[in-house]
Amino acid sequence: MEDGQPRELATPARVAEPSDTGGLSDRDARVLRFEQRTWRYPAAKDEAIRAEFGLSPARYYQLLNVLIESPAALAAEPVLVGRLSRLRASRRRGWSPAASGPPRNLAAADERS
């Protein structure tokens, strides 16, 4: 009978345990969920990192880099871990003037003119 009151779920929500998340700790699972969010400003994400995890952004990203190398993280969130790995690889390659500027061999370009 509907009385307008919210019903309790048959199975109460549980905190993820390592066995539930393929070997991930609760914190690791929280980090992966956190990384699924989108942020308009980096400062807002940094503030949320401090509030939610009690870590500096530098320490958080150190932990995240270790986490995305984890087979357990890949098994739990393959799309997310793949995206984060690609982003990290592109940042490591970095930007260089040679990549977007004039040809590398300017002498050869001058000889052709």
N, C-alpha and C. Protein backbone atom coordinates (compact mmCIF):
# COMPACT_ATOMS: atom_id res chain seq x y z
N MET A 1 0.85 -1.17 0.00
CA MET A 1 0.00 0.00 0.00
C MET A 1 0.89 1.23 0.00
N GLU A 2 0.59 2.18 -0.89
CA GLU A 2 1.38 3.40 -1.01
C GLU A 2 0.90 4.43 0.00
N ASP A 3 1.79 4.86 0.88
CA ASP A 3 1.43 5.88 1.86
C ASP A 3 2.21 7.17 1.64
N GLY A 4 2.94 7.25 0.52
CA GLY A 4 3.68 8.46 0.21
C GLY A 4 5.04 8.55 0.87
N GLN A 5 5.38 7.59 1.71
CA GLN A 5 6.66 7.59 2.40
C GLN A 5 7.70 6.84 1.57
N PRO A 6 8.96 7.31 1.60
CA PRO A 6 9.99 6.58 0.86
C PRO A 6 10.19 5.19 1.45
N ARG A 7 10.45 4.23 0.59
CA ARG A 7 10.67 2.87 1.03
C ARG A 7 12.15 2.61 1.24
N GLU A 8 12.45 1.73 2.13
CA GLU A 8 13.84 1.32 2.32
C GLU A 8 14.19 0.30 1.26
N LEU A 9 15.42 0.35 0.83
CA LEU A 9 15.87 -0.61 -0.17
C LEU A 9 15.99 -1.99 0.47
N ALA A 10 15.80 -3.00 -0.34
CA ALA A 10 15.91 -4.36 0.15
C ALA A 10 17.34 -4.67 0.58
N THR A 11 18.31 -4.13 -0.16
CA THR A 11 19.71 -4.33 0.21
C THR A 11 20.32 -2.97 0.51
N PRO A 12 20.74 -2.74 1.74
CA PRO A 12 21.30 -1.44 2.09
C PRO A 12 22.61 -1.19 1.36
N ALA A 13 22.88 0.09 1.09
CA ALA A 13 24.13 0.46 0.43
C ALA A 13 25.30 0.14 1.35
N ARG A 14 26.37 -0.39 0.78
CA ARG A 14 27.55 -0.74 1.55
C ARG A 14 28.73 0.06 1.04
N VAL A 15 29.70 0.21 1.90
CA VAL A 15 30.97 0.80 1.50
C VAL A 15 31.72 -0.26 0.71
N ALA A 16 32.34 0.16 -0.40
CA ALA A 16 33.07 -0.80 -1.22
C ALA A 16 34.25 -1.37 -0.44
N GLU A 17 34.35 -2.65 -0.46
CA GLU A 17 35.48 -3.33 0.15
C GLU A 17 36.39 -3.83 -0.96
N PRO A 18 37.65 -4.11 -0.66
CA PRO A 18 38.55 -4.55 -1.71
C PRO A 18 38.02 -5.70 -2.55
N SER A 19 37.32 -6.64 -1.96
CA SER A 19 36.80 -7.76 -2.73
C SER A 19 35.68 -7.32 -3.67
N ASP A 20 34.97 -6.24 -3.33
CA ASP A 20 33.88 -5.75 -4.17
C ASP A 20 34.40 -5.03 -5.40
N THR A 21 35.56 -4.47 -5.32
CA THR A 21 36.06 -3.62 -6.40
C THR A 21 37.29 -4.23 -7.06
N GLY A 22 37.42 -5.53 -7.00
CA GLY A 22 38.52 -6.18 -7.66
C GLY A 22 39.87 -5.89 -7.07
N GLY A 23 39.95 -5.68 -5.77
CA GLY A 23 41.23 -5.42 -5.12
C GLY A 23 41.50 -3.96 -4.83
N LEU A 24 40.59 -3.09 -5.21
CA LEU A 24 40.76 -1.66 -4.91
C LEU A 24 40.34 -1.37 -3.48
N SER A 25 41.08 -0.49 -2.84
CA SER A 25 40.68 -0.04 -1.52
C SER A 25 39.52 0.93 -1.66
N ASP A 26 38.90 1.26 -0.54
CA ASP A 26 37.81 2.22 -0.55
C ASP A 26 38.29 3.56 -1.11
N ARG A 27 39.47 4.00 -0.68
CA ARG A 27 40.01 5.28 -1.16
C ARG A 27 40.26 5.24 -2.66
N ASP A 28 40.81 4.15 -3.15
CA ASP A 28 41.06 4.03 -4.59
C ASP A 28 39.77 4.10 -5.39
N ALA A 29 38.75 3.42 -4.90
CA ALA A 29 37.44 3.46 -5.57
C ALA A 29 36.87 4.88 -5.54
N ARG A 30 37.05 5.58 -4.41
CA ARG A 30 36.58 6.97 -4.31
C ARG A 30 37.34 7.87 -5.28
N VAL A 31 38.64 7.65 -5.44
CA VAL A 31 39.43 8.45 -6.37
C VAL A 31 38.93 8.25 -7.80
N LEU A 32 38.65 7.00 -8.17
CA LEU A 32 38.14 6.74 -9.51
C LEU A 32 36.78 7.41 -9.73
N ARG A 33 35.91 7.33 -8.74
CA ARG A 33 34.60 8.01 -8.86
C ARG A 33 34.80 9.52 -8.97
N PHE A 34 35.74 10.05 -8.21
CA PHE A 34 36.03 11.49 -8.23
C PHE A 34 36.52 11.90 -9.61
N GLU A 35 37.36 11.09 -10.22
CA GLU A 35 37.92 11.42 -11.54
C GLU A 35 36.88 11.35 -12.65
N GLN A 36 35.74 10.75 -12.40
CA GLN A 36 34.69 10.71 -13.41
C GLN A 36 33.94 12.03 -13.52
N ARG A 37 34.10 12.87 -12.53
CA ARG A 37 33.44 14.18 -12.55
C ARG A 37 34.14 15.11 -13.55
N THR A 38 33.42 16.14 -13.97
CA THR A 38 34.03 17.16 -14.82
C THR A 38 34.15 18.44 -14.02
N TRP A 39 35.18 19.20 -14.32
CA TRP A 39 35.46 20.43 -13.58
C TRP A 39 35.61 21.58 -14.57
N ARG A 40 34.97 22.67 -14.26
CA ARG A 40 35.07 23.85 -15.11
C ARG A 40 36.40 24.56 -14.88
N TYR A 41 36.85 24.58 -13.64
CA TYR A 41 38.09 25.28 -13.31
C TYR A 41 39.01 24.37 -12.50
N PRO A 42 40.30 24.38 -12.82
CA PRO A 42 41.24 23.55 -12.06
C PRO A 42 41.26 23.89 -10.57
N ALA A 43 41.09 25.15 -10.23
CA ALA A 43 41.11 25.55 -8.82
C ALA A 43 39.95 24.92 -8.06
N ALA A 44 38.81 24.76 -8.72
CA ALA A 44 37.67 24.13 -8.06
C ALA A 44 37.97 22.66 -7.77
N LYS A 45 38.64 21.99 -8.70
CA LYS A 45 39.00 20.60 -8.48
C LYS A 45 40.02 20.49 -7.36
N ASP A 46 41.00 21.38 -7.35
CA ASP A 46 42.01 21.36 -6.29
C ASP A 46 41.36 21.53 -4.92
N GLU A 47 40.40 22.43 -4.84
CA GLU A 47 39.70 22.66 -3.57
C GLU A 47 38.90 21.43 -3.16
N ALA A 48 38.26 20.79 -4.14
CA ALA A 48 37.48 19.58 -3.85
C ALA A 48 38.40 18.44 -3.41
N ILE A 49 39.59 18.36 -3.99
CA ILE A 49 40.56 17.32 -3.59
C ILE A 49 40.91 17.50 -2.12
N ARG A 50 41.19 18.73 -1.73
CA ARG A 50 41.54 19.00 -0.33
C ARG A 50 40.37 18.66 0.60
N ALA A 51 39.16 19.04 0.20
CA ALA A 51 37.99 18.81 1.05
C ALA A 51 37.62 17.33 1.14
N GLU A 52 37.66 16.63 0.02
CA GLU A 52 37.18 15.25 0.01
C GLU A 52 38.22 14.24 0.50
N PHE A 53 39.49 14.49 0.19
CA PHE A 53 40.51 13.49 0.52
C PHE A 53 41.49 13.96 1.59
N GLY A 54 41.49 15.25 1.89
CA GLY A 54 42.43 15.77 2.88
C GLY A 54 43.87 15.71 2.40
N LEU A 55 44.06 15.80 1.09
CA LEU A 55 45.39 15.72 0.48
C LEU A 55 45.68 16.98 -0.32
N SER A 56 46.94 17.28 -0.49
CA SER A 56 47.29 18.35 -1.42
C SER A 56 47.06 17.82 -2.83
N PRO A 57 46.80 18.70 -3.78
CA PRO A 57 46.63 18.24 -5.17
C PRO A 57 47.84 17.47 -5.69
N ALA A 58 49.05 17.89 -5.31
CA ALA A 58 50.25 17.19 -5.78
C ALA A 58 50.25 15.74 -5.29
N ARG A 59 49.94 15.53 -4.03
CA ARG A 59 49.91 14.17 -3.47
C ARG A 59 48.78 13.35 -4.10
N TYR A 60 47.64 13.98 -4.33
CA TYR A 60 46.51 13.30 -4.96
C TYR A 60 46.92 12.78 -6.34
N TYR A 61 47.58 13.64 -7.13
CA TYR A 61 47.97 13.22 -8.48
C TYR A 61 49.07 12.16 -8.45
N GLN A 62 49.91 12.17 -7.43
CA GLN A 62 50.88 11.08 -7.28
C GLN A 62 50.15 9.76 -7.06
N LEU A 63 49.16 9.78 -6.19
CA LEU A 63 48.37 8.57 -5.92
C LEU A 63 47.60 8.13 -7.17
N LEU A 64 47.05 9.11 -7.89
CA LEU A 64 46.29 8.79 -9.11
C LEU A 64 47.19 8.15 -10.16
N ASN A 65 48.41 8.64 -10.31
CA ASN A 65 49.32 8.05 -11.29
C ASN A 65 49.64 6.60 -10.96
N VAL A 66 49.82 6.30 -9.69
CA VAL A 66 50.05 4.91 -9.28
C VAL A 66 48.78 4.09 -9.52
N LEU A 67 47.65 4.66 -9.22
CA LEU A 67 46.38 3.95 -9.35
C LEU A 67 46.08 3.59 -10.80
N ILE A 68 46.35 4.47 -11.75
CA ILE A 68 46.00 4.14 -13.13
C ILE A 68 46.93 3.10 -13.74
N GLU A 69 48.01 2.78 -13.05
CA GLU A 69 48.87 1.67 -13.47
C GLU A 69 48.40 0.34 -12.89
N SER A 70 47.46 0.39 -11.99
CA SER A 70 46.99 -0.79 -11.28
C SER A 70 46.06 -1.64 -12.15
N PRO A 71 46.33 -2.94 -12.24
CA PRO A 71 45.40 -3.83 -12.96
C PRO A 71 44.00 -3.84 -12.34
N ALA A 72 43.92 -3.64 -11.03
CA ALA A 72 42.61 -3.62 -10.37
C ALA A 72 41.80 -2.41 -10.81
N ALA A 73 42.45 -1.27 -10.97
CA ALA A 73 41.76 -0.07 -11.44
C ALA A 73 41.31 -0.25 -12.88
N LEU A 74 42.17 -0.85 -13.70
CA LEU A 74 41.82 -1.10 -15.10
C LEU A 74 40.63 -2.05 -15.18
N ALA A 75 40.60 -3.06 -14.33
CA ALA A 75 39.47 -4.00 -14.33
C ALA A 75 38.19 -3.33 -13.85
N ALA A 76 38.30 -2.43 -12.87
CA ALA A 76 37.11 -1.78 -12.30
C ALA A 76 36.54 -0.70 -13.23
N GLU A 77 37.42 0.09 -13.84
CA GLU A 77 36.99 1.21 -14.68
C GLU A 77 37.86 1.30 -15.93
N PRO A 78 37.70 0.38 -16.88
CA PRO A 78 38.61 0.35 -18.03
C PRO A 78 38.56 1.61 -18.91
N VAL A 79 37.39 2.16 -19.13
CA VAL A 79 37.28 3.35 -19.98
C VAL A 79 37.94 4.55 -19.31
N LEU A 80 37.65 4.75 -18.05
CA LEU A 80 38.22 5.86 -17.31
C LEU A 80 39.74 5.75 -17.22
N VAL A 81 40.25 4.58 -16.86
CA VAL A 81 41.69 4.39 -16.73
C VAL A 81 42.37 4.58 -18.08
N GLY A 82 41.77 4.10 -19.15
CA GLY A 82 42.33 4.32 -20.49
C GLY A 82 42.40 5.79 -20.84
N ARG A 83 41.33 6.53 -20.54
CA ARG A 83 41.32 7.97 -20.82
C ARG A 83 42.38 8.69 -20.00
N LEU A 84 42.48 8.36 -18.72
CA LEU A 84 43.48 9.01 -17.86
C LEU A 84 44.90 8.67 -18.31
N SER A 85 45.11 7.45 -18.76
CA SER A 85 46.44 7.06 -19.25
C SER A 85 46.81 7.84 -20.51
N ARG A 86 45.84 8.00 -21.42
CA ARG A 86 46.10 8.77 -22.64
C ARG A 86 46.38 10.23 -22.33
N LEU A 87 45.62 10.80 -21.40
CA LEU A 87 45.87 12.19 -21.00
C LEU A 87 47.25 12.36 -20.40
N ARG A 88 47.63 11.41 -19.55
CA ARG A 88 48.96 11.47 -18.94
C ARG A 88 50.05 11.37 -20.00
N ALA A 89 49.88 10.47 -20.96
CA ALA A 89 50.88 10.30 -22.02
C ALA A 89 51.01 11.57 -22.86
N SER A 90 49.88 12.21 -23.15
CA SER A 90 49.96 13.44 -23.95
C SER A 90 50.61 14.57 -23.17
N ARG A 91 50.38 14.61 -21.86
CA ARG A 91 51.04 15.64 -21.05
C ARG A 91 52.54 15.39 -20.95
N ARG A 92 52.93 14.12 -20.89
CA ARG A 92 54.36 13.79 -20.82
C ARG A 92 55.07 14.15 -22.12
N ARG A 93 54.39 13.97 -23.24
CA ARG A 93 54.99 14.38 -24.52
C ARG A 93 55.15 15.89 -24.54
N GLY A 94 54.16 16.56 -24.00
CA GLY A 94 54.23 18.00 -23.86
C GLY A 94 54.16 18.75 -25.17
N TRP A 95 54.17 20.03 -25.04
CA TRP A 95 54.13 20.93 -26.17
C TRP A 95 55.53 21.43 -26.43
N SER A 96 55.90 21.54 -27.68
CA SER A 96 57.19 22.12 -28.01
C SER A 96 57.01 23.01 -29.22
N PRO A 97 57.82 24.07 -29.33
CA PRO A 97 57.69 24.96 -30.49
C PRO A 97 57.91 24.20 -31.80
N ALA A 98 58.77 23.21 -31.80
CA ALA A 98 59.06 22.46 -33.02
C ALA A 98 57.84 21.69 -33.50
N ALA A 99 57.00 21.27 -32.58
CA ALA A 99 55.84 20.48 -32.96
C ALA A 99 54.79 21.30 -33.69
N SER A 100 54.73 22.60 -33.45
CA SER A 100 53.68 23.40 -34.08
C SER A 100 54.23 24.57 -34.89
N GLY A 101 55.53 24.74 -34.92
CA GLY A 101 56.11 25.88 -35.61
C GLY A 101 56.56 25.55 -37.02
N PRO A 102 57.52 26.32 -37.52
CA PRO A 102 58.02 26.11 -38.88
C PRO A 102 58.77 24.78 -38.99
N PRO A 103 59.11 24.37 -40.20
CA PRO A 103 59.83 23.12 -40.37
C PRO A 103 61.11 23.09 -39.55
N ARG A 104 61.50 21.90 -39.10
CA ARG A 104 62.68 21.76 -38.25
C ARG A 104 63.95 22.11 -39.00
N ASN A 105 64.06 21.69 -40.22
CA ASN A 105 65.28 21.91 -40.98
C ASN A 105 65.12 23.18 -41.81
N LEU A 106 65.39 24.34 -41.19
CA LEU A 106 65.21 25.63 -41.86
C LEU A 106 66.20 25.79 -43.02
N ALA A 107 67.39 25.25 -42.90
CA ALA A 107 68.38 25.37 -43.97
C ALA A 107 67.87 24.68 -45.23
N ALA A 108 67.28 23.50 -45.10
CA ALA A 108 66.76 22.80 -46.26
C ALA A 108 65.59 23.56 -46.87
N ALA A 109 64.79 24.19 -46.04
CA ALA A 109 63.66 24.96 -46.54
C ALA A 109 64.15 26.19 -47.30
N ASP A 110 65.25 26.84 -46.83
CA ASP A 110 65.81 28.01 -47.50
C ASP A 110 66.42 27.64 -48.84
N GLU A 111 67.06 26.46 -48.95
CA GLU A 111 67.70 26.03 -50.19
C GLU A 111 66.68 25.79 -51.28
N ARG A 112 65.48 25.37 -50.93
CA ARG A 112 64.44 25.09 -51.91
C ARG A 112 63.86 26.36 -52.48
N SER A 113 63.98 27.49 -51.82
CA SER A 113 63.35 28.73 -52.28
C SER A 113 64.08 29.35 -53.43
